[in-house]
Amino acid sequence: MSPLRHVRGSRPVTAGVTVTSAALLAAALSPTTAGAAEPPTRAAAVAEAASVLADRAGTLGLTPAQGTTVRDVVIDEDGSRHIRYDRTYRRLPVLGGDFVLHLAPDGGYRGVTRATRAALDLPAVTPGLAAPEAAGLAADALRAAHPGETLEHLTAEPELVVDALHGAPRLAWRTDAVAKDSRGNPVARTVLTDARTGARIEAWDSLESASGDGESLYGGTVPLETTPSASGYELKDPTRGGTYTGDAGNRTDLCVLVVCLNRAPAPVLTDADNHWGTGTVSDRATVAVDAQYGTDVTWDYYEDVHGRRGIAGDGKGSYNRVHYGNDYNNAFWDDGCFCMTYGDGDGTLMGPLVSLDVAGHEMTHGVTSKTAGLTYSGESGGLNEATSDIFGTLVEFHAANAEDPGDWLIGEEIVRDGFGGDALRYMDEPSKDGKSADCWDTSVKDLDVHHSSGVANHFAYLLAEGSGAKTLGGVAHASPTCDGSTVTGIGRDRLGAIWYRALTVHMTSSTDYAGARTATLKAAADLYGEGGAEYAAVAAAWSAVGVA
């Protein structure tokens, strides 16, 4: 099991309004915002988009059998808007059905970015393979992924979907198999099965990893916003959407996908004098300080830098569970509970997994699920992981904490001598971990997503810092290019702006490395102009890691 994970629900993340294609075809035109002094509201943008979809349903491949649900809306300062949709076919979720509709400031159609252009026209949606059979196949796949391990409380929940990600659209069972290993910690695997033949289409780990004032374990003395209570104070931040931290009491649960059984309770921590932790693991509040602080600085990064308030962009806070499991070498974001969960580590490979870059990494999985929804397998899975590494690193730099200064190593605070290295991943030269890819080739798609992410991590480092040797955060970095070229960096701020724009506007669930190059070039053109140095630097950095 790879360290640092994100738990993804098995149903598409959706928000806003649901509009069937039949309704779209009959929709009346909404009032235009052309000439308006201010950018349109979200509701107005969605209404105008519905009109555009109605007008262009045939061109966009929308039929009365399909439904669309708004997942996200991005409105530029000039009034341009980008509305991201999920699709259903005869009420079944469509994997790879997502698309982004791009509208001009006057509401006019500019274009569309689609995860797939394949036509959705299935002869039937009645499976030949029964749900219990699909469940059994997924359970077998989970057991096979953990050879020699006795799995307990194993459950498998099939959901009928249309798979448009892997070739021609077909009916499929997406089954989330979850269990506990011999130490009581959660394991999970998602299996995609052809609902007609029973053939395996794809399978992937469903735990996407990574790895007041308060006296934290890794960050020194840090400020905390708390909530007064009758008995003192709660570790709950009213200034950041009510985000709070609770103690899971070393219990585990099966709430790792859409099915939640016996969720480990994590009541909010309380304190009498509003001074939390002692900086040592003997005080259970110490790692809670790190977790709350990590949530705070991640929230602040997204709000200060990208104008995004909260993981979902809706101003609502998440919550943290610390002291989860026994010797649990992992941390994960769970879309189902909208929460972060941290293990204490086993003390040999890892310590408590509550460092800043881990917090930023994991919560970014939540941002990704609410935006591009990059599928967690193949090249898109590597990009999903890289997105979390990139923003986890930028969170660490943004925090500007002298006790944990920014660098391009992932998890350097949590690894212990028994791990065999001084970090989980190295973004300047990913292959230093012995597993990750520095450069793209056709085999990258077959790597574990934590290792195929190396190509994008390498790109991000080169784009921000450039090639060659330098010292950052007291750590020596050296980043050779794959083609022997010299790359001049454009800085971390512009890297973050370009990647965030690409993630929220131009990437879809099926984006691969070639698509990521296109998406980031479009983002650079949007932000700085197609003739700018930033656009040229993006192209050069991708070429330097073998993505041409």
Protein backbone atom coordinates (compact mmCIF):
# COMPACT_ATOMS: atom_id res chain seq x y z
CA MET A 1 0.00 0.00 0.00
CA SER A 2 1.53 3.30 -1.05
CA PRO A 3 1.60 6.10 1.52
CA LEU A 4 -0.63 9.15 1.38
CA ARG A 5 -4.01 8.60 -0.09
CA HIS A 6 -7.30 10.10 -1.18
CA VAL A 7 -10.57 8.22 -0.91
CA ARG A 8 -12.79 8.81 -3.87
CA GLY A 9 -16.53 8.16 -3.89
CA SER A 10 -17.80 5.87 -6.60
CA ARG A 11 -20.42 8.25 -7.93
CA PRO A 12 -19.62 11.38 -9.92
CA VAL A 13 -19.23 14.50 -7.83
CA THR A 14 -21.97 16.85 -8.92
CA ALA A 15 -23.31 20.18 -7.82
CA GLY A 16 -25.78 22.77 -9.00
CA VAL A 17 -28.76 21.98 -11.18
CA THR A 18 -29.63 18.93 -13.24
CA VAL A 19 -31.00 19.49 -16.73
CA THR A 20 -32.01 16.66 -19.07
CA SER A 21 -31.29 17.01 -22.75
CA ALA A 22 -34.99 16.83 -23.49
CA ALA A 23 -35.53 19.82 -21.26
CA LEU A 24 -32.60 21.60 -22.84
CA LEU A 25 -34.07 21.18 -26.28
CA ALA A 26 -37.25 22.87 -25.11
CA ALA A 27 -35.59 25.52 -22.93
CA ALA A 28 -36.43 29.14 -23.51
CA LEU A 29 -33.62 31.59 -24.06
CA SER A 30 -32.39 33.25 -20.87
CA PRO A 31 -31.76 37.02 -20.75
CA THR A 32 -28.25 37.82 -21.97
CA THR A 33 -25.68 39.55 -19.81
CA ALA A 34 -24.09 41.28 -22.79
CA GLY A 35 -23.07 44.77 -21.88
CA ALA A 36 -23.38 44.12 -18.15
CA ALA A 37 -20.99 46.12 -16.00
CA GLU A 38 -20.22 43.14 -13.76
CA PRO A 39 -19.47 39.49 -14.56
CA PRO A 40 -22.57 37.30 -14.39
CA THR A 41 -23.55 35.39 -11.27
CA ARG A 42 -23.14 31.63 -11.16
CA ALA A 43 -26.89 31.18 -11.63
CA ALA A 44 -26.91 33.47 -14.66
CA ALA A 45 -23.92 31.69 -16.18
CA VAL A 46 -25.61 28.31 -15.72
CA ALA A 47 -28.84 29.59 -17.24
CA GLU A 48 -27.05 30.99 -20.29
CA ALA A 49 -25.10 27.78 -20.66
CA ALA A 50 -28.35 25.82 -20.63
CA SER A 51 -29.56 27.92 -23.55
CA VAL A 52 -26.35 27.32 -25.46
CA LEU A 53 -26.62 23.58 -24.83
CA ALA A 54 -30.19 23.63 -26.09
CA ASP A 55 -29.17 25.44 -29.27
CA ARG A 56 -26.16 23.22 -29.91
CA ALA A 57 -27.38 19.89 -28.54
CA GLY A 58 -26.93 18.12 -31.87
CA THR A 59 -23.46 19.51 -32.48
CA LEU A 60 -22.38 18.56 -28.96
CA GLY A 61 -23.76 15.05 -29.27
CA LEU A 62 -26.47 15.55 -26.64
CA THR A 63 -29.64 13.51 -27.09
CA PRO A 64 -32.91 13.19 -25.13
CA ALA A 65 -31.47 10.02 -23.54
CA GLN A 66 -28.75 12.07 -21.85
CA GLY A 67 -28.80 14.29 -18.80
CA THR A 68 -26.29 16.93 -17.74
CA THR A 69 -25.37 18.09 -14.27
CA VAL A 70 -23.29 21.17 -13.49
CA ARG A 71 -20.21 20.23 -11.49
CA ASP A 72 -18.31 23.54 -11.44
CA VAL A 73 -18.45 27.09 -12.78
CA VAL A 74 -15.46 29.36 -13.40
CA ILE A 75 -16.13 33.03 -14.27
CA ASP A 76 -13.21 35.14 -15.48
CA GLU A 77 -12.80 38.81 -14.63
CA ASP A 78 -13.81 39.80 -18.16
CA GLY A 79 -17.05 37.83 -17.86
CA SER A 80 -15.95 34.78 -19.84
CA ARG A 81 -17.33 31.68 -18.20
CA HIS A 82 -16.53 27.97 -18.20
CA ILE A 83 -19.23 25.56 -17.06
CA ARG A 84 -18.18 21.98 -16.30
CA TYR A 85 -20.78 19.22 -16.71
CA ASP A 86 -21.15 15.55 -15.89
CA ARG A 87 -23.39 13.44 -18.11
CA THR A 88 -25.76 10.53 -17.63
CA TYR A 89 -27.14 8.14 -20.24
CA ARG A 90 -30.60 6.76 -19.49
CA ARG A 91 -29.97 7.88 -15.91
CA LEU A 92 -26.67 5.98 -15.64
CA PRO A 93 -23.45 7.89 -14.84
CA VAL A 94 -21.13 8.18 -17.84
CA LEU A 95 -17.44 7.71 -17.08
CA GLY A 96 -15.70 10.12 -19.42
CA GLY A 97 -18.93 11.95 -20.16
CA ASP A 98 -17.72 15.18 -18.59
CA PHE A 99 -17.15 18.30 -20.66
CA VAL A 100 -16.48 22.02 -20.20
CA LEU A 101 -18.56 24.58 -22.08
CA HIS A 102 -16.67 27.84 -22.78
CA LEU A 103 -18.71 31.04 -23.22
CA ALA A 104 -17.63 34.56 -24.17
CA PRO A 105 -18.32 37.61 -21.94
CA ASP A 106 -21.53 38.24 -23.89
CA GLY A 107 -22.67 34.65 -23.32
CA GLY A 108 -21.81 33.51 -26.83
CA TYR A 109 -20.43 30.07 -27.55
CA ARG A 110 -16.64 29.79 -27.74
CA GLY A 111 -16.04 26.08 -27.65
CA VAL A 112 -16.13 22.89 -25.64
CA THR A 113 -13.52 20.62 -24.05
CA ARG A 114 -14.71 17.01 -23.89
CA ALA A 115 -13.31 14.00 -22.10
CA THR A 116 -14.53 11.90 -25.05
CA ARG A 117 -16.17 12.63 -28.38
CA ALA A 118 -17.61 9.15 -28.72
CA ALA A 119 -21.34 9.00 -29.41
CA LEU A 120 -23.49 7.67 -26.56
CA ASP A 121 -25.89 5.24 -28.21
CA LEU A 122 -26.15 1.87 -26.47
CA PRO A 123 -28.63 -0.71 -27.72
CA ALA A 124 -29.69 -1.53 -24.15
CA VAL A 125 -28.83 -0.79 -20.54
CA THR A 126 -29.75 -4.22 -19.17
CA PRO A 127 -26.60 -6.02 -18.00
CA GLY A 128 -25.82 -9.59 -18.99
CA LEU A 129 -23.68 -9.95 -15.87
CA ALA A 130 -25.63 -9.82 -12.61
CA ALA A 131 -24.60 -7.42 -9.86
CA PRO A 132 -23.61 -10.22 -7.40
CA GLU A 133 -21.26 -11.66 -10.03
CA ALA A 134 -19.64 -8.26 -10.53
CA ALA A 135 -19.29 -7.92 -6.77
CA GLY A 136 -17.59 -11.31 -6.57
CA LEU A 137 -15.11 -10.42 -9.31
CA ALA A 138 -14.23 -7.17 -7.54
CA ALA A 139 -13.81 -8.93 -4.20
CA ASP A 140 -11.44 -11.39 -5.86
CA ALA A 141 -9.50 -8.48 -7.36
CA LEU A 142 -9.10 -6.86 -3.95
CA ARG A 143 -7.85 -10.15 -2.46
CA ALA A 144 -5.42 -10.57 -5.35
CA ALA A 145 -4.04 -7.11 -4.72
CA HIS A 146 -3.20 -8.11 -1.14
CA PRO A 147 -1.67 -11.59 -1.47
CA GLY A 148 -1.09 -13.46 1.76
CA GLU A 149 -3.28 -11.01 3.67
CA THR A 150 -6.44 -12.02 5.50
CA LEU A 151 -9.07 -9.42 4.67
CA GLU A 152 -11.99 -8.91 7.02
CA HIS A 153 -15.39 -7.20 6.64
CA LEU A 154 -15.03 -7.28 2.85
CA THR A 155 -17.89 -5.62 1.00
CA ALA A 156 -18.35 -4.92 -2.70
CA GLU A 157 -20.94 -2.46 -4.01
CA PRO A 158 -21.52 -2.57 -7.80
CA GLU A 159 -22.95 0.40 -9.67
CA LEU A 160 -24.12 0.22 -13.27
CA VAL A 161 -22.43 2.87 -15.43
CA VAL A 162 -21.61 3.66 -19.03
CA ASP A 163 -17.85 3.50 -19.61
CA ALA A 164 -16.76 5.98 -22.28
CA LEU A 165 -13.17 6.19 -21.04
CA HIS A 166 -11.86 2.91 -22.43
CA GLY A 167 -12.73 2.73 -26.12
CA ALA A 168 -16.25 2.64 -27.51
CA PRO A 169 -18.91 3.39 -24.87
CA ARG A 170 -20.25 0.25 -23.21
CA LEU A 171 -22.30 -0.81 -20.23
CA ALA A 172 -20.12 -1.60 -17.22
CA TRP A 173 -20.20 -2.37 -13.53
CA ARG A 174 -18.07 -0.07 -11.40
CA THR A 175 -17.58 -1.91 -8.13
CA ASP A 176 -15.98 -0.50 -5.01
CA ALA A 177 -14.54 -3.34 -2.92
CA VAL A 178 -13.46 -2.37 0.61
CA ALA A 179 -12.14 -4.34 3.57
CA LYS A 180 -9.83 -4.22 6.56
CA ASP A 181 -6.40 -5.78 6.63
CA SER A 182 -4.98 -7.84 9.50
CA ARG A 183 -4.13 -4.68 11.46
CA GLY A 184 -7.63 -3.27 11.02
CA ASN A 185 -6.65 -0.62 8.48
CA PRO A 186 -8.76 0.03 5.36
CA VAL A 187 -7.93 -1.28 1.91
CA ALA A 188 -9.99 -0.63 -1.20
CA ARG A 189 -10.02 -1.25 -4.94
CA THR A 190 -12.34 -0.10 -7.69
CA VAL A 191 -12.94 -2.60 -10.47
CA LEU A 192 -14.54 -1.77 -13.81
CA THR A 193 -16.16 -4.82 -15.44
CA ASP A 194 -17.84 -5.21 -18.82
CA ALA A 195 -21.50 -5.69 -17.87
CA ARG A 196 -22.13 -7.84 -20.95
CA THR A 197 -19.13 -10.22 -20.96
CA GLY A 198 -17.74 -9.99 -17.43
CA ALA A 199 -14.29 -9.06 -18.76
CA ARG A 200 -12.10 -6.82 -16.61
CA ILE A 201 -11.82 -3.35 -18.13
CA GLU A 202 -9.70 -1.61 -15.50
CA ALA A 203 -8.94 -1.67 -11.78
CA TRP A 204 -7.27 0.77 -9.44
CA ASP A 205 -6.66 1.44 -5.79
CA SER A 206 -9.50 3.59 -4.45
CA LEU A 207 -7.40 5.10 -1.71
CA GLU A 208 -5.49 7.75 -3.59
CA SER A 209 -2.32 8.23 -1.72
CA ALA A 210 0.45 10.25 -1.21
CA SER A 211 1.52 9.46 1.88
CA GLY A 212 -4.84 28.43 18.65
CA ASP A 213 -1.80 28.65 19.36
CA GLY A 214 -0.51 25.20 19.35
CA GLU A 215 2.75 23.37 19.75
CA SER A 216 2.88 21.27 16.62
CA LEU A 217 5.07 18.29 15.83
CA TYR A 218 6.54 19.64 12.59
CA GLY A 219 5.78 23.36 12.41
CA GLY A 220 6.74 24.74 15.80
CA THR A 221 4.34 27.11 17.56
CA VAL A 222 1.50 27.99 15.19
CA PRO A 223 -1.58 30.23 15.41
CA LEU A 224 -5.02 28.61 15.59
CA GLU A 225 -8.51 30.06 15.34
CA THR A 226 -10.81 28.21 17.76
CA THR A 227 -14.39 28.34 19.02
CA PRO A 228 -15.27 29.16 22.65
CA SER A 229 -17.43 26.59 24.39
CA ALA A 230 -18.98 26.11 27.83
CA SER A 231 -15.96 24.07 28.98
CA GLY A 232 -13.22 26.10 27.27
CA TYR A 233 -12.43 25.95 23.56
CA GLU A 234 -13.09 23.69 20.59
CA LEU A 235 -10.50 23.07 17.86
CA LYS A 236 -12.94 24.41 15.29
CA ASP A 237 -12.19 27.39 13.06
CA PRO A 238 -15.20 29.67 12.47
CA THR A 239 -13.15 31.85 10.09
CA ARG A 240 -12.52 28.99 7.66
CA GLY A 241 -15.93 27.46 7.18
CA GLY A 242 -16.10 25.71 10.56
CA THR A 243 -13.23 23.33 9.80
CA TYR A 244 -12.44 21.23 12.86
CA THR A 245 -10.19 18.43 14.07
CA GLY A 246 -11.21 15.36 16.09
CA ASP A 247 -9.52 12.32 17.63
CA ALA A 248 -10.44 9.00 15.98
CA GLY A 249 -9.17 7.11 19.04
CA ASN A 250 -7.09 4.72 16.88
CA ARG A 251 -10.27 3.19 15.54
CA THR A 252 -10.86 2.46 11.86
CA ASP A 253 -13.93 2.25 9.70
CA LEU A 254 -15.14 1.29 6.27
CA CYS A 255 -16.08 4.82 5.28
CA VAL A 256 -13.59 4.92 2.47
CA LEU A 257 -15.96 5.02 -0.49
CA VAL A 258 -19.65 5.73 -0.85
CA VAL A 259 -20.60 3.06 1.69
CA CYS A 260 -19.88 4.09 5.29
CA LEU A 261 -20.04 1.42 7.96
CA ASN A 262 -19.10 1.98 11.60
CA ARG A 263 -17.36 5.26 10.91
CA ALA A 264 -14.75 5.92 13.57
CA PRO A 265 -16.15 8.73 15.73
CA ALA A 266 -13.98 11.83 15.87
CA PRO A 267 -15.54 14.35 18.27
CA VAL A 268 -14.01 17.79 18.05
CA LEU A 269 -11.06 18.24 20.41
CA THR A 270 -11.46 20.61 23.36
CA ASP A 271 -8.99 22.47 25.57
CA ALA A 272 -9.36 24.54 28.72
CA ASP A 273 -6.85 27.33 28.08
CA ASN A 274 -6.67 27.50 24.25
CA HIS A 275 -3.00 26.46 24.19
CA TRP A 276 -2.90 23.15 22.34
CA GLY A 277 -0.31 20.39 22.31
CA THR A 278 3.22 20.17 23.63
CA GLY A 279 5.17 19.48 20.45
CA THR A 280 5.56 15.80 21.39
CA VAL A 281 3.64 12.71 20.33
CA SER A 282 2.95 11.83 23.96
CA ASP A 283 0.32 14.57 23.93
CA ARG A 284 -2.49 13.46 21.61
CA ALA A 285 -3.36 17.09 20.88
CA THR A 286 0.02 17.74 19.25
CA VAL A 287 -0.71 16.07 15.90
CA ALA A 288 -4.19 17.61 15.99
CA VAL A 289 -2.44 20.99 16.00
CA ASP A 290 -0.50 19.98 12.86
CA ALA A 291 -3.67 18.74 11.16
CA GLN A 292 -5.66 21.88 11.93
CA TYR A 293 -2.75 24.09 10.93
CA GLY A 294 -2.33 22.16 7.67
CA THR A 295 -6.00 22.69 6.88
CA ASP A 296 -5.67 26.38 7.68
CA VAL A 297 -2.68 27.03 5.42
CA THR A 298 -4.20 24.97 2.60
CA TRP A 299 -7.43 26.97 2.86
CA ASP A 300 -5.40 30.20 2.90
CA TYR A 301 -3.31 29.21 -0.12
CA TYR A 302 -6.34 28.49 -2.30
CA GLU A 303 -8.15 31.62 -1.14
CA ASP A 304 -5.18 34.01 -1.19
CA VAL A 305 -3.72 32.81 -4.47
CA HIS A 306 -6.64 31.47 -6.51
CA GLY A 307 -9.68 33.10 -4.92
CA ARG A 308 -11.10 29.67 -4.05
CA ARG A 309 -12.73 29.67 -0.61
CA GLY A 310 -12.79 26.11 0.67
CA ILE A 311 -12.04 22.80 -1.00
CA ALA A 312 -15.33 22.78 -2.92
CA GLY A 313 -15.17 26.52 -3.55
CA ASP A 314 -18.36 27.02 -1.56
CA GLY A 315 -16.95 28.47 1.67
CA LYS A 316 -17.73 25.31 3.65
CA GLY A 317 -15.12 23.71 5.85
CA SER A 318 -14.03 20.09 6.00
CA TYR A 319 -12.85 18.24 9.09
CA ASN A 320 -9.85 16.19 10.21
CA ARG A 321 -9.55 12.87 12.00
CA VAL A 322 -6.21 12.20 13.70
CA HIS A 323 -4.91 9.05 15.45
CA TYR A 324 -6.62 6.80 12.92
CA GLY A 325 -5.86 3.07 12.95
CA ASN A 326 -2.89 1.26 14.41
CA ASP A 327 0.60 2.10 13.11
CA TYR A 328 -1.20 3.37 10.01
CA ASN A 329 1.33 4.63 7.43
CA ASN A 330 -1.16 6.68 5.50
CA ALA A 331 -3.33 9.75 5.24
CA PHE A 332 -6.29 10.21 2.92
CA TRP A 333 -8.93 12.61 1.76
CA ASP A 334 -12.46 11.14 1.65
CA ASP A 335 -15.01 12.76 -0.68
CA GLY A 336 -17.77 10.82 1.08
CA CYS A 337 -17.32 12.51 4.45
CA PHE A 338 -15.54 15.57 3.02
CA CYS A 339 -12.78 14.99 5.54
CA MET A 340 -9.08 14.34 6.02
CA THR A 341 -7.85 11.30 7.95
CA TYR A 342 -4.32 10.92 9.34
CA GLY A 343 -2.52 7.84 10.61
CA ASP A 344 0.19 7.97 13.27
CA GLY A 345 2.72 5.98 11.24
CA ASP A 346 4.56 2.95 12.59
CA GLY A 347 7.58 4.89 13.85
CA THR A 348 9.94 2.85 11.68
CA LEU A 349 8.95 3.82 8.16
CA MET A 350 6.96 6.92 9.04
CA GLY A 351 5.92 9.17 11.86
CA PRO A 352 2.51 10.87 12.10
CA LEU A 353 1.45 11.88 8.60
CA VAL A 354 0.41 15.44 9.43
CA SER A 355 3.06 17.53 7.66
CA LEU A 356 2.15 20.60 5.61
CA ASP A 357 2.80 19.12 2.18
CA VAL A 358 0.80 16.01 3.07
CA ALA A 359 -2.17 18.13 4.16
CA GLY A 360 -1.97 20.23 1.01
CA HIS A 361 -1.58 17.12 -1.13
CA GLU A 362 -4.57 15.30 0.30
CA MET A 363 -6.98 18.22 0.34
CA THR A 364 -6.04 18.99 -3.26
CA HIS A 365 -7.53 15.61 -4.16
CA GLY A 366 -10.79 17.16 -2.99
CA VAL A 367 -10.24 20.17 -5.24
CA THR A 368 -9.51 17.87 -8.19
CA SER A 369 -12.66 15.85 -7.59
CA LYS A 370 -14.72 19.04 -7.63
CA THR A 371 -13.10 20.28 -10.85
CA ALA A 372 -11.41 18.14 -13.52
CA GLY A 373 -12.17 14.83 -11.76
CA LEU A 374 -9.05 13.20 -13.24
CA THR A 375 -9.65 9.44 -13.35
CA TYR A 376 -7.36 7.64 -10.92
CA SER A 377 -5.68 5.25 -13.34
CA GLY A 378 -3.31 5.44 -16.30
CA GLU A 379 -1.88 8.81 -17.25
CA SER A 380 -4.86 10.75 -15.88
CA GLY A 381 -4.21 9.08 -12.52
CA GLY A 382 -0.59 10.22 -12.63
CA LEU A 383 -1.78 13.75 -13.35
CA ASN A 384 -4.22 13.49 -10.43
CA GLU A 385 -1.37 12.58 -8.08
CA ALA A 386 0.94 15.20 -9.57
CA THR A 387 -1.71 17.88 -9.09
CA SER A 388 -1.73 17.06 -5.39
CA ASP A 389 2.08 17.04 -5.21
CA ILE A 390 2.27 20.36 -7.04
CA PHE A 391 -0.22 22.18 -4.86
CA GLY A 392 0.98 20.43 -1.69
CA THR A 393 4.41 21.88 -2.46
CA LEU A 394 3.00 25.33 -3.22
CA VAL A 395 1.04 25.23 0.06
CA GLU A 396 4.29 24.50 1.90
CA PHE A 397 6.04 27.44 0.23
CA HIS A 398 3.03 29.72 0.83
CA ALA A 399 2.99 28.91 4.55
CA ALA A 400 6.54 30.30 4.85
CA ASN A 401 7.08 28.37 8.09
CA ALA A 402 10.73 28.51 9.16
CA GLU A 403 10.37 25.14 10.93
CA ASP A 404 9.26 23.48 7.69
CA PRO A 405 10.51 25.66 4.82
CA GLY A 406 9.32 25.05 1.29
CA ASP A 407 11.11 22.56 -0.92
CA TRP A 408 10.28 20.18 -3.77
CA LEU A 409 10.40 17.01 -1.67
CA ILE A 410 7.16 15.29 -0.67
CA GLY A 411 6.82 13.94 2.88
CA GLU A 412 10.35 14.75 3.99
CA GLU A 413 9.11 15.50 7.51
CA ILE A 414 7.33 12.21 8.03
CA VAL A 415 9.78 9.58 6.72
CA ARG A 416 11.98 7.76 9.22
CA ASP A 417 15.32 5.96 8.93
CA GLY A 418 13.66 2.65 8.09
CA PHE A 419 12.03 4.13 5.00
CA GLY A 420 15.26 4.02 3.03
CA GLY A 421 15.25 7.61 1.83
CA ASP A 422 14.71 11.14 3.01
CA ALA A 423 11.36 11.76 1.24
CA LEU A 424 8.48 9.97 -0.42
CA ARG A 425 9.00 11.72 -3.77
CA TYR A 426 11.48 14.12 -5.38
CA MET A 427 9.91 16.54 -7.82
CA ASP A 428 13.19 17.93 -9.18
CA GLU A 429 14.34 14.46 -10.24
CA PRO A 430 11.53 11.95 -9.59
CA SER A 431 13.62 8.88 -10.45
CA LYS A 432 15.67 9.40 -7.28
CA ASP A 433 13.05 7.30 -5.49
CA GLY A 434 13.96 4.36 -7.73
CA LYS A 435 10.41 4.01 -9.07
CA SER A 436 9.13 7.25 -10.60
CA ALA A 437 9.50 8.41 -14.19
CA ASP A 438 11.49 11.54 -15.05
CA CYS A 439 10.50 11.44 -18.71
CA TRP A 440 7.43 10.42 -20.66
CA ASP A 441 7.31 7.35 -22.86
CA THR A 442 4.57 4.94 -23.85
CA SER A 443 5.13 2.77 -20.76
CA VAL A 444 4.33 5.55 -18.28
CA LYS A 445 0.61 4.76 -18.40
CA ASP A 446 1.33 1.32 -16.93
CA LEU A 447 3.09 2.63 -13.81
CA ASP A 448 1.45 3.08 -10.43
CA VAL A 449 -0.06 6.56 -10.38
CA HIS A 450 2.36 7.65 -7.64
CA HIS A 451 5.21 6.96 -10.05
CA SER A 452 3.69 8.02 -13.38
CA SER A 453 3.11 11.35 -11.64
CA GLY A 454 6.86 11.92 -11.86
CA VAL A 455 6.61 13.28 -15.42
CA ALA A 456 4.25 16.10 -14.40
CA ASN A 457 6.14 16.71 -11.14
CA HIS A 458 9.36 17.09 -13.14
CA PHE A 459 7.59 19.45 -15.55
CA ALA A 460 6.26 21.55 -12.68
CA TYR A 461 9.67 21.87 -11.07
CA LEU A 462 11.31 22.87 -14.36
CA LEU A 463 8.58 25.39 -15.16
CA ALA A 464 8.90 27.04 -11.76
CA GLU A 465 12.61 26.74 -10.98
CA GLY A 466 14.34 25.85 -14.23
CA SER A 467 16.97 23.20 -14.88
CA GLY A 468 20.31 22.90 -13.15
CA ALA A 469 21.31 22.92 -9.48
CA LYS A 470 20.08 25.17 -6.68
CA THR A 471 19.30 25.06 -2.97
CA LEU A 472 15.73 25.66 -1.79
CA GLY A 473 14.52 25.41 1.78
CA GLY A 474 17.97 24.21 2.79
CA VAL A 475 17.69 21.26 0.37
CA ALA A 476 19.93 20.77 -2.64
CA HIS A 477 17.93 20.35 -5.84
CA ALA A 478 19.19 19.34 -9.28
CA SER A 479 16.94 18.85 -12.29
CA PRO A 480 18.45 17.46 -15.49
CA THR A 481 16.23 17.56 -18.56
CA CYS A 482 15.36 14.54 -20.68
CA ASP A 483 16.49 16.14 -23.94
CA GLY A 484 19.59 17.91 -22.64
CA SER A 485 17.96 21.31 -22.99
CA THR A 486 18.25 24.21 -20.57
CA VAL A 487 14.96 25.44 -19.14
CA THR A 488 14.53 28.85 -17.50
CA GLY A 489 11.89 28.86 -14.78
CA ILE A 490 9.08 31.40 -14.53
CA GLY A 491 8.52 31.12 -10.77
CA ARG A 492 6.21 29.20 -8.48
CA ASP A 493 3.40 31.76 -8.59
CA ARG A 494 3.00 31.51 -12.33
CA LEU A 495 3.28 27.72 -12.24
CA GLY A 496 0.43 27.64 -9.71
CA ALA A 497 -1.69 30.04 -11.74
CA ILE A 498 -1.22 28.05 -14.96
CA TRP A 499 -1.84 24.63 -13.41
CA TYR A 500 -4.92 25.84 -11.48
CA ARG A 501 -6.36 27.41 -14.63
CA ALA A 502 -5.71 24.23 -16.59
CA LEU A 503 -7.26 22.06 -13.84
CA THR A 504 -10.41 24.13 -13.44
CA VAL A 505 -11.05 25.15 -17.04
CA HIS A 506 -9.27 22.94 -19.57
CA MET A 507 -8.71 19.45 -18.11
CA THR A 508 -11.32 16.69 -18.00
CA SER A 509 -11.50 13.25 -16.43
CA SER A 510 -9.63 11.60 -19.33
CA THR A 511 -6.81 14.12 -19.75
CA ASP A 512 -3.50 12.38 -20.45
CA TYR A 513 0.00 13.86 -20.73
CA ALA A 514 -0.50 15.11 -24.27
CA GLY A 515 -3.78 16.66 -23.11
CA ALA A 516 -2.06 18.21 -20.10
CA ARG A 517 0.41 19.91 -22.40
CA THR A 518 -2.48 21.32 -24.44
CA ALA A 519 -4.42 22.35 -21.31
CA THR A 520 -1.49 24.17 -19.71
CA LEU A 521 -0.61 25.92 -22.96
CA LYS A 522 -4.21 27.12 -23.22
CA ALA A 523 -4.04 28.24 -19.60
CA ALA A 524 -0.80 30.14 -20.22
CA ALA A 525 -2.35 31.81 -23.26
CA ASP A 526 -5.44 32.74 -21.22
CA LEU A 527 -3.36 34.29 -18.45
CA TYR A 528 -0.32 35.75 -20.19
CA GLY A 529 -0.91 35.66 -23.93
CA GLU A 530 0.10 33.16 -26.56
CA GLY A 531 3.17 35.18 -27.46
CA GLY A 532 4.38 35.55 -23.89
CA ALA A 533 7.44 34.12 -22.19
CA GLU A 534 5.19 32.00 -19.98
CA TYR A 535 3.63 30.24 -22.98
CA ALA A 536 7.07 29.49 -24.40
CA ALA A 537 8.29 28.25 -21.01
CA VAL A 538 5.36 25.82 -20.69
CA ALA A 539 6.15 24.38 -24.10
CA ALA A 540 9.86 24.12 -23.28
CA ALA A 541 9.26 22.44 -19.91
CA TRP A 542 6.96 19.80 -21.43
CA SER A 543 9.46 19.11 -24.20
CA ALA A 544 12.18 18.78 -21.56
CA VAL A 545 10.28 15.85 -19.97
CA GLY A 546 9.48 14.19 -23.29
CA VAL A 547 5.91 15.43 -23.83
CA ALA A 548 5.93 17.08 -27.25
